[in-house]
Structure formats: C-alpha cells, structure tokens
C-alpha cells in the first residue's frame, strides 16, 4: 500500500451543531507484480491502515474485498455490505416497485383502504433483507475459507 488517508466529515443539525460524523478512508494499493495502482474508498468503517503498510489484497475483478496485514497476518473486510458493493441480488428499487404495485392491487381487491396495503411492501423488504444477508454471509464464508 502506498497511501492511506482517513478523515471525518461532520454533518450538522440545527444551529450548526454537529450531530454525527462520517468516517471516510481513501486507500491506494500498488500491486507488486504490475506496479498498477488500485484505489479504494471506504465509508463508515474504521480499518487499521497506514501509509507504506505491507498488505495482501483479496479482490473480485477490480473490487477490493479484504486485505491481509503483512505484519500481523490478520485480515480485514473492506465493506459491510458485499451484495451492494458487488452488485449482487435485486436492487432496492424492486422493493418499492413490488410494494407500491402490490399495495394498489390490495386496495383494488379490498375496495377500501386498510392496513393490508402495506403488507406487500413489508414482505418485499423482508425478502430483500434476507437475500442481502445470505449473500453477504456466503461471501464472507468463502473469504474466510480461502484465507484460513
């Protein structure tokens, strides 16, 4: 690794008082065999990185999924949500589409507004969340198996 930069961005509320901050980490890895630079931007994840640290990276195509610290042999994930990072699974837009269309169909069947119009949205969100967690679990399990 040739460069690591960590900074925090404060988000303010009323009267310019900071309510929360977002940690950003910018990293540039240089590959030994090709001298090619790979950039990584991580948001809200505190990784133990410093400039000129010897690391081995775990990638999928051009996405850095994890890195191994050369001194401690510990490995760290570079994302919490691999399904979004690798664009696996259905996009969240489908949750809204299924929820709205399903809600309209429930309304047309019931002929009156009821609480049931929210059921398709809640069911679609539930399926979406389970799918994301299963994908993330499988990816982490494969990385763990590969690095063990």
N, C-alpha and C. Protein backbone atom coordinates (compact mmCIF):
# COMPACT_ATOMS: atom_id res chain seq x y z
N UNK A 1 0.85 -1.16 0.00
CA UNK A 1 0.00 0.00 0.00
C UNK A 1 0.89 1.23 0.00
N UNK A 2 0.51 2.23 -0.79
CA UNK A 2 1.36 3.41 -0.86
C UNK A 2 0.74 4.62 -0.18
N UNK A 3 -0.59 4.58 0.06
CA UNK A 3 -1.22 5.77 0.64
C UNK A 3 -2.48 5.37 1.39
N UNK A 4 -2.68 5.94 2.57
CA UNK A 4 -3.91 5.78 3.35
C UNK A 4 -4.26 7.12 3.95
N UNK A 5 -5.47 7.56 3.74
CA UNK A 5 -5.91 8.85 4.25
C UNK A 5 -7.26 8.66 4.93
N UNK A 6 -7.34 8.99 6.21
CA UNK A 6 -8.60 8.91 6.96
C UNK A 6 -9.03 10.32 7.33
N UNK A 7 -10.31 10.59 7.15
CA UNK A 7 -10.85 11.88 7.57
C UNK A 7 -12.32 11.70 7.93
N UNK A 8 -12.81 12.61 8.71
CA UNK A 8 -14.18 12.56 9.17
C UNK A 8 -14.92 13.79 8.69
N UNK A 9 -16.16 13.60 8.28
CA UNK A 9 -16.99 14.71 7.82
C UNK A 9 -18.15 14.84 8.81
N UNK A 10 -18.27 16.02 9.42
CA UNK A 10 -19.34 16.26 10.39
C UNK A 10 -20.58 16.74 9.65
N UNK A 11 -21.72 16.21 10.05
CA UNK A 11 -23.00 16.62 9.50
C UNK A 11 -23.73 17.40 10.59
N UNK A 12 -24.17 18.58 10.24
CA UNK A 12 -24.74 19.42 11.28
C UNK A 12 -26.27 19.37 11.29
N UNK A 13 -26.80 19.76 12.41
CA UNK A 13 -28.23 19.86 12.58
C UNK A 13 -28.61 21.32 12.70
N UNK A 14 -29.52 21.61 13.56
CA UNK A 14 -29.92 22.99 13.77
C UNK A 14 -28.83 23.78 14.44
N UNK A 15 -28.75 25.04 14.13
CA UNK A 15 -27.77 25.98 14.70
C UNK A 15 -26.33 25.53 14.49
N UNK A 16 -26.06 24.78 13.42
CA UNK A 16 -24.72 24.32 13.06
C UNK A 16 -24.05 23.47 14.13
N UNK A 17 -24.81 22.76 14.93
CA UNK A 17 -24.24 21.84 15.91
C UNK A 17 -24.04 20.48 15.24
N UNK A 18 -22.83 19.90 15.36
CA UNK A 18 -22.63 18.60 14.73
C UNK A 18 -23.42 17.51 15.46
N UNK A 19 -24.19 16.76 14.70
CA UNK A 19 -24.97 15.68 15.27
C UNK A 19 -24.29 14.33 15.09
N UNK A 20 -23.64 14.14 13.97
CA UNK A 20 -22.93 12.90 13.73
C UNK A 20 -21.82 13.17 12.72
N UNK A 21 -20.92 12.25 12.62
CA UNK A 21 -19.84 12.38 11.65
C UNK A 21 -19.70 11.07 10.88
N UNK A 22 -19.19 11.19 9.69
CA UNK A 22 -18.97 10.04 8.82
C UNK A 22 -17.48 9.88 8.59
N UNK A 23 -16.98 8.68 8.86
CA UNK A 23 -15.56 8.40 8.65
C UNK A 23 -15.34 7.95 7.21
N UNK A 24 -14.40 8.57 6.55
CA UNK A 24 -14.04 8.21 5.18
C UNK A 24 -12.58 7.76 5.19
N UNK A 25 -12.29 6.71 4.43
CA UNK A 25 -10.92 6.23 4.29
C UNK A 25 -10.62 6.08 2.81
N UNK A 26 -9.56 6.73 2.37
CA UNK A 26 -9.10 6.61 0.99
C UNK A 26 -7.78 5.85 1.02
N UNK A 27 -7.70 4.79 0.21
CA UNK A 27 -6.51 3.96 0.20
C UNK A 27 -6.08 3.75 -1.25
N UNK A 28 -4.77 3.74 -1.46
CA UNK A 28 -4.21 3.41 -2.76
C UNK A 28 -3.26 2.23 -2.56
N UNK A 29 -3.59 1.12 -3.20
CA UNK A 29 -2.74 -0.07 -3.17
C UNK A 29 -1.92 -0.10 -4.46
N UNK A 30 -0.65 -0.43 -4.36
CA UNK A 30 0.18 -0.62 -5.54
C UNK A 30 0.55 -2.09 -5.62
N UNK A 31 0.21 -2.71 -6.75
CA UNK A 31 0.49 -4.12 -6.94
C UNK A 31 1.97 -4.32 -7.22
N UNK A 32 2.55 -5.32 -6.58
CA UNK A 32 3.99 -5.58 -6.73
C UNK A 32 4.35 -6.03 -8.14
N UNK A 33 3.55 -6.92 -8.71
CA UNK A 33 3.92 -7.53 -9.99
C UNK A 33 3.69 -6.61 -11.19
N UNK A 34 2.75 -5.68 -11.12
CA UNK A 34 2.47 -4.84 -12.28
C UNK A 34 2.65 -3.35 -12.02
N UNK A 35 2.91 -2.97 -10.77
CA UNK A 35 3.03 -1.57 -10.37
C UNK A 35 1.76 -0.76 -10.68
N UNK A 36 0.64 -1.45 -10.80
CA UNK A 36 -0.65 -0.81 -11.04
C UNK A 36 -1.23 -0.32 -9.71
N UNK A 37 -1.86 0.86 -9.72
CA UNK A 37 -2.47 1.41 -8.52
C UNK A 37 -3.96 1.10 -8.50
N UNK A 38 -4.45 0.62 -7.36
CA UNK A 38 -5.87 0.36 -7.15
C UNK A 38 -6.35 1.27 -6.04
N UNK A 39 -7.42 2.00 -6.30
CA UNK A 39 -7.97 2.92 -5.31
C UNK A 39 -9.16 2.27 -4.61
N UNK A 40 -9.28 2.57 -3.32
CA UNK A 40 -10.37 2.05 -2.51
C UNK A 40 -10.90 3.19 -1.65
N UNK A 41 -12.21 3.37 -1.68
CA UNK A 41 -12.88 4.36 -0.82
C UNK A 41 -13.81 3.60 0.11
N UNK A 42 -13.60 3.77 1.39
CA UNK A 42 -14.40 3.08 2.40
C UNK A 42 -15.11 4.13 3.24
N UNK A 43 -16.39 3.90 3.49
CA UNK A 43 -17.19 4.84 4.26
C UNK A 43 -17.73 4.14 5.51
N UNK A 44 -17.58 4.80 6.66
CA UNK A 44 -18.11 4.33 7.94
C UNK A 44 -17.53 3.00 8.40
N UNK A 45 -16.29 2.75 8.09
CA UNK A 45 -15.64 1.52 8.53
C UNK A 45 -14.19 1.87 8.90
N UNK A 46 -13.86 1.73 10.17
CA UNK A 46 -12.53 2.09 10.65
C UNK A 46 -11.59 0.91 10.45
N UNK A 47 -10.75 1.02 9.45
CA UNK A 47 -9.79 -0.04 9.14
C UNK A 47 -8.41 0.34 9.66
N UNK A 48 -7.67 -0.62 10.24
CA UNK A 48 -6.32 -0.33 10.71
C UNK A 48 -5.34 -0.27 9.53
N UNK A 49 -5.27 0.88 8.90
CA UNK A 49 -4.41 1.09 7.74
C UNK A 49 -3.50 2.28 7.98
N UNK A 50 -2.31 2.21 7.45
CA UNK A 50 -1.41 3.34 7.48
C UNK A 50 -0.56 3.32 6.22
N UNK A 51 0.02 4.44 5.88
CA UNK A 51 0.80 4.58 4.67
C UNK A 51 2.03 3.68 4.72
N UNK A 52 2.36 3.05 3.62
CA UNK A 52 3.50 2.16 3.44
C UNK A 52 3.38 0.85 4.21
N UNK A 53 2.18 0.47 4.56
CA UNK A 53 1.94 -0.79 5.26
C UNK A 53 1.96 -1.94 4.25
N UNK A 54 2.71 -3.01 4.52
CA UNK A 54 2.70 -4.15 3.59
C UNK A 54 1.41 -4.96 3.77
N UNK A 55 0.65 -5.08 2.70
CA UNK A 55 -0.61 -5.82 2.75
C UNK A 55 -0.75 -6.71 1.52
N UNK A 56 -1.60 -7.71 1.64
CA UNK A 56 -2.03 -8.54 0.51
C UNK A 56 -3.52 -8.31 0.35
N UNK A 57 -3.96 -8.03 -0.86
CA UNK A 57 -5.37 -7.72 -1.05
C UNK A 57 -6.11 -8.92 -1.64
N UNK A 58 -7.38 -9.04 -1.26
CA UNK A 58 -8.29 -10.06 -1.78
C UNK A 58 -9.29 -9.31 -2.64
N UNK A 59 -9.37 -9.69 -3.92
CA UNK A 59 -10.20 -8.94 -4.85
C UNK A 59 -11.19 -9.84 -5.60
N UNK A 60 -12.18 -9.19 -6.15
CA UNK A 60 -13.09 -9.81 -7.10
C UNK A 60 -13.17 -8.84 -8.26
N UNK A 61 -12.62 -9.23 -9.39
CA UNK A 61 -12.45 -8.32 -10.53
C UNK A 61 -11.63 -7.11 -10.08
N UNK A 62 -12.22 -5.93 -10.06
CA UNK A 62 -11.50 -4.72 -9.66
C UNK A 62 -11.93 -4.23 -8.28
N UNK A 63 -12.71 -5.02 -7.54
CA UNK A 63 -13.19 -4.62 -6.22
C UNK A 63 -12.34 -5.28 -5.14
N UNK A 64 -11.80 -4.46 -4.23
CA UNK A 64 -11.02 -4.97 -3.10
C UNK A 64 -12.01 -5.38 -2.02
N UNK A 65 -12.05 -6.66 -1.69
CA UNK A 65 -13.00 -7.18 -0.69
C UNK A 65 -12.39 -7.24 0.70
N UNK A 66 -11.10 -7.51 0.77
CA UNK A 66 -10.43 -7.64 2.07
C UNK A 66 -8.94 -7.41 1.86
N UNK A 67 -8.24 -7.26 2.96
CA UNK A 67 -6.78 -7.18 2.87
C UNK A 67 -6.20 -7.90 4.08
N UNK A 68 -4.99 -8.39 3.91
CA UNK A 68 -4.27 -9.09 4.97
C UNK A 68 -3.09 -8.21 5.38
N UNK A 69 -3.03 -7.89 6.66
CA UNK A 69 -1.91 -7.11 7.18
C UNK A 69 -0.66 -7.98 7.15
N UNK A 70 0.40 -7.48 6.52
CA UNK A 70 1.62 -8.24 6.36
C UNK A 70 2.37 -8.50 7.65
N UNK A 71 2.18 -7.66 8.67
CA UNK A 71 2.90 -7.82 9.93
C UNK A 71 2.18 -8.73 10.90
N UNK A 72 0.85 -8.61 10.98
CA UNK A 72 0.10 -9.38 11.98
C UNK A 72 -0.60 -10.60 11.39
N UNK A 73 -0.66 -10.70 10.07
CA UNK A 73 -1.39 -11.76 9.36
C UNK A 73 -2.87 -11.79 9.70
N UNK A 74 -3.42 -10.69 10.14
CA UNK A 74 -4.87 -10.54 10.36
C UNK A 74 -5.48 -10.02 9.06
N UNK A 75 -6.71 -10.44 8.80
CA UNK A 75 -7.36 -9.93 7.61
C UNK A 75 -8.60 -9.13 8.00
N UNK A 76 -8.92 -8.14 7.17
CA UNK A 76 -10.00 -7.20 7.44
C UNK A 76 -10.83 -7.04 6.18
N UNK A 77 -12.15 -7.04 6.36
CA UNK A 77 -13.06 -6.79 5.25
C UNK A 77 -13.10 -5.29 4.96
N UNK A 78 -13.25 -4.93 3.69
CA UNK A 78 -13.29 -3.52 3.32
C UNK A 78 -14.71 -3.02 3.11
N UNK A 79 -15.71 -3.85 3.41
CA UNK A 79 -17.11 -3.44 3.28
C UNK A 79 -17.95 -4.24 4.26
N UNK A 80 -19.06 -3.66 4.63
CA UNK A 80 -20.03 -4.38 5.45
C UNK A 80 -21.08 -5.05 4.57
N UNK A 81 -21.29 -4.48 3.41
CA UNK A 81 -22.37 -4.91 2.54
C UNK A 81 -21.79 -5.33 1.19
N UNK A 82 -21.41 -6.59 1.07
CA UNK A 82 -20.80 -7.08 -0.17
C UNK A 82 -21.81 -7.19 -1.31
N UNK A 83 -23.06 -7.45 -1.00
CA UNK A 83 -24.05 -7.60 -2.06
C UNK A 83 -24.23 -6.30 -2.83
N UNK A 84 -24.20 -5.17 -2.14
CA UNK A 84 -24.29 -3.88 -2.84
C UNK A 84 -22.98 -3.53 -3.54
N UNK A 85 -21.87 -3.81 -2.89
CA UNK A 85 -20.56 -3.48 -3.47
C UNK A 85 -20.32 -4.25 -4.77
N UNK A 86 -20.71 -5.52 -4.80
CA UNK A 86 -20.51 -6.35 -5.99
C UNK A 86 -21.72 -6.38 -6.90
N UNK A 87 -22.76 -5.62 -6.52
CA UNK A 87 -23.99 -5.52 -7.31
C UNK A 87 -24.63 -6.90 -7.53
N UNK A 88 -24.78 -7.64 -6.43
CA UNK A 88 -25.42 -8.95 -6.46
C UNK A 88 -26.80 -8.83 -5.84
N UNK A 89 -27.74 -9.63 -6.30
CA UNK A 89 -29.09 -9.58 -5.78
C UNK A 89 -29.91 -8.50 -6.48
N UNK A 90 -31.12 -8.36 -6.04
CA UNK A 90 -32.03 -7.37 -6.63
C UNK A 90 -31.76 -5.99 -6.05
N UNK A 91 -31.90 -4.93 -6.85
CA UNK A 91 -31.74 -3.58 -6.32
C UNK A 91 -32.93 -3.20 -5.43
N UNK A 92 -32.71 -2.23 -4.54
CA UNK A 92 -33.75 -1.82 -3.60
C UNK A 92 -34.96 -1.22 -4.30
N UNK A 93 -34.79 -0.75 -5.52
CA UNK A 93 -35.91 -0.20 -6.29
C UNK A 93 -37.02 -1.23 -6.46
N UNK A 94 -36.65 -2.50 -6.55
CA UNK A 94 -37.65 -3.56 -6.69
C UNK A 94 -38.54 -3.65 -5.46
N UNK A 95 -38.01 -3.35 -4.29
CA UNK A 95 -38.82 -3.37 -3.08
C UNK A 95 -39.94 -2.34 -3.19
N UNK A 96 -39.59 -1.14 -3.63
CA UNK A 96 -40.61 -0.09 -3.79
C UNK A 96 -41.59 -0.45 -4.89
N UNK A 97 -41.09 -0.96 -5.99
CA UNK A 97 -41.98 -1.32 -7.11
C UNK A 97 -42.99 -2.39 -6.69
N UNK A 98 -42.51 -3.46 -6.07
CA UNK A 98 -43.39 -4.53 -5.62
C UNK A 98 -44.34 -4.02 -4.54
N UNK A 99 -43.84 -3.19 -3.64
CA UNK A 99 -44.67 -2.66 -2.56
C UNK A 99 -45.79 -1.77 -3.07
N UNK A 100 -45.47 -0.87 -3.99
CA UNK A 100 -46.50 0.05 -4.49
C UNK A 100 -47.51 -0.68 -5.36
N UNK A 101 -47.03 -1.49 -6.30
CA UNK A 101 -47.95 -2.24 -7.16
C UNK A 101 -48.79 -3.21 -6.33
N UNK A 102 -48.16 -3.90 -5.40
CA UNK A 102 -48.90 -4.82 -4.53
C UNK A 102 -49.91 -4.09 -3.67
N UNK A 103 -49.54 -2.92 -3.15
CA UNK A 103 -50.47 -2.12 -2.35
C UNK A 103 -51.67 -1.67 -3.15
N UNK A 104 -51.43 -1.26 -4.41
CA UNK A 104 -52.55 -0.86 -5.28
C UNK A 104 -53.45 -2.05 -5.55
N UNK A 105 -52.87 -3.22 -5.81
CA UNK A 105 -53.69 -4.41 -6.05
C UNK A 105 -54.51 -4.78 -4.81
N UNK A 106 -53.92 -4.69 -3.64
CA UNK A 106 -54.66 -4.98 -2.40
C UNK A 106 -55.80 -3.98 -2.24
N UNK A 107 -55.53 -2.71 -2.54
CA UNK A 107 -56.57 -1.69 -2.44
C UNK A 107 -57.71 -1.98 -3.41
N UNK A 108 -57.37 -2.37 -4.64
CA UNK A 108 -58.41 -2.65 -5.64
C UNK A 108 -59.22 -3.89 -5.26
N UNK A 109 -58.58 -4.87 -4.65
CA UNK A 109 -59.30 -6.08 -4.24
C UNK A 109 -60.18 -5.79 -3.02
N UNK A 110 -59.67 -5.03 -2.06
CA UNK A 110 -60.40 -4.74 -0.83
C UNK A 110 -61.49 -3.69 -1.02
N UNK A 111 -61.36 -2.85 -2.02
CA UNK A 111 -62.29 -1.74 -2.32
C UNK A 111 -62.33 -0.67 -1.23
N UNK A 112 -61.39 -0.74 -0.30
CA UNK A 112 -61.28 0.29 0.74
C UNK A 112 -59.85 0.28 1.29
N UNK A 113 -59.39 1.41 1.77
CA UNK A 113 -58.03 1.45 2.32
C UNK A 113 -57.99 0.71 3.65
N UNK A 114 -57.04 -0.20 3.76
CA UNK A 114 -56.82 -0.92 5.02
C UNK A 114 -55.32 -0.98 5.28
N UNK A 115 -54.97 -1.49 6.41
CA UNK A 115 -53.56 -1.64 6.77
C UNK A 115 -52.89 -2.68 5.87
N UNK A 116 -53.67 -3.54 5.26
CA UNK A 116 -53.11 -4.60 4.40
C UNK A 116 -52.40 -4.06 3.16
N UNK A 117 -52.64 -2.80 2.81
CA UNK A 117 -51.95 -2.27 1.62
C UNK A 117 -50.44 -2.16 1.85
N UNK A 118 -50.01 -2.16 3.11
CA UNK A 118 -48.58 -2.11 3.42
C UNK A 118 -47.92 -3.48 3.44
N UNK A 119 -48.72 -4.54 3.44
CA UNK A 119 -48.18 -5.89 3.52
C UNK A 119 -47.22 -6.22 2.37
N UNK A 120 -47.55 -5.92 1.09
CA UNK A 120 -46.59 -6.23 0.01
C UNK A 120 -45.25 -5.50 0.18
N UNK A 121 -45.28 -4.26 0.65
CA UNK A 121 -44.04 -3.50 0.85
C UNK A 121 -43.21 -4.14 1.96
N UNK A 122 -43.85 -4.49 3.06
CA UNK A 122 -43.13 -5.11 4.18
C UNK A 122 -42.59 -6.48 3.79
N UNK A 123 -43.38 -7.26 3.06
CA UNK A 123 -42.93 -8.59 2.63
C UNK A 123 -41.75 -8.47 1.65
N UNK A 124 -41.82 -7.53 0.71
CA UNK A 124 -40.73 -7.34 -0.25
C UNK A 124 -39.46 -6.88 0.46
N UNK A 125 -39.59 -5.97 1.43
CA UNK A 125 -38.43 -5.51 2.19
C UNK A 125 -37.82 -6.67 2.98
N UNK A 126 -38.66 -7.51 3.57
CA UNK A 126 -38.19 -8.65 4.34
C UNK A 126 -37.40 -9.62 3.45
N UNK A 127 -37.93 -9.95 2.28
CA UNK A 127 -37.24 -10.85 1.35
C UNK A 127 -35.92 -10.23 0.89
N UNK A 128 -35.93 -8.93 0.58
CA UNK A 128 -34.73 -8.22 0.15
C UNK A 128 -33.64 -8.27 1.23
N UNK A 129 -34.03 -8.04 2.49
CA UNK A 129 -33.08 -8.03 3.59
C UNK A 129 -32.49 -9.42 3.82
N UNK A 130 -33.32 -10.43 3.78
CA UNK A 130 -32.83 -11.81 3.96
C UNK A 130 -31.87 -12.17 2.83
N UNK A 131 -32.22 -11.81 1.59
CA UNK A 131 -31.36 -12.11 0.44
C UNK A 131 -30.00 -11.43 0.59
N UNK A 132 -29.97 -10.16 1.00
CA UNK A 132 -28.70 -9.45 1.19
C UNK A 132 -27.85 -10.12 2.26
N UNK A 133 -28.46 -10.50 3.36
CA UNK A 133 -27.70 -11.12 4.45
C UNK A 133 -27.15 -12.48 4.05
N UNK A 134 -27.93 -13.25 3.28
CA UNK A 134 -27.45 -14.55 2.83
C UNK A 134 -26.27 -14.38 1.88
N UNK A 135 -26.36 -13.43 0.95
CA UNK A 135 -25.26 -13.18 0.01
C UNK A 135 -24.01 -12.73 0.76
N UNK A 136 -24.16 -11.79 1.70
CA UNK A 136 -23.03 -11.32 2.48
C UNK A 136 -22.41 -12.45 3.30
N UNK A 137 -23.24 -13.29 3.90
CA UNK A 137 -22.74 -14.41 4.69
C UNK A 137 -21.95 -15.39 3.82
N UNK A 138 -22.46 -15.68 2.63
CA UNK A 138 -21.76 -16.62 1.73
C UNK A 138 -20.43 -16.05 1.27
N UNK A 139 -20.38 -14.77 0.96
CA UNK A 139 -19.13 -14.16 0.51
C UNK A 139 -18.11 -14.16 1.64
N UNK A 140 -18.53 -13.78 2.85
CA UNK A 140 -17.61 -13.78 3.99
C UNK A 140 -17.14 -15.19 4.31
N UNK A 141 -18.03 -16.15 4.18
CA UNK A 141 -17.66 -17.54 4.45
C UNK A 141 -16.60 -18.03 3.43
N UNK A 142 -16.76 -17.66 2.16
CA UNK A 142 -15.78 -18.03 1.14
C UNK A 142 -14.44 -17.35 1.37
N UNK A 143 -14.47 -16.07 1.77
CA UNK A 143 -13.22 -15.37 2.08
C UNK A 143 -12.54 -16.01 3.27
N UNK A 144 -13.31 -16.32 4.32
CA UNK A 144 -12.75 -16.99 5.50
C UNK A 144 -12.14 -18.34 5.14
N UNK A 145 -12.85 -19.11 4.31
CA UNK A 145 -12.36 -20.42 3.91
C UNK A 145 -11.08 -20.28 3.07
N UNK A 146 -11.04 -19.29 2.20
CA UNK A 146 -9.88 -19.07 1.35
C UNK A 146 -8.66 -18.64 2.16
N UNK A 147 -8.87 -17.80 3.18
CA UNK A 147 -7.76 -17.25 3.94
C UNK A 147 -7.35 -18.13 5.13
N UNK A 148 -8.14 -19.12 5.47
CA UNK A 148 -7.81 -19.97 6.61
C UNK A 148 -6.80 -21.01 6.26
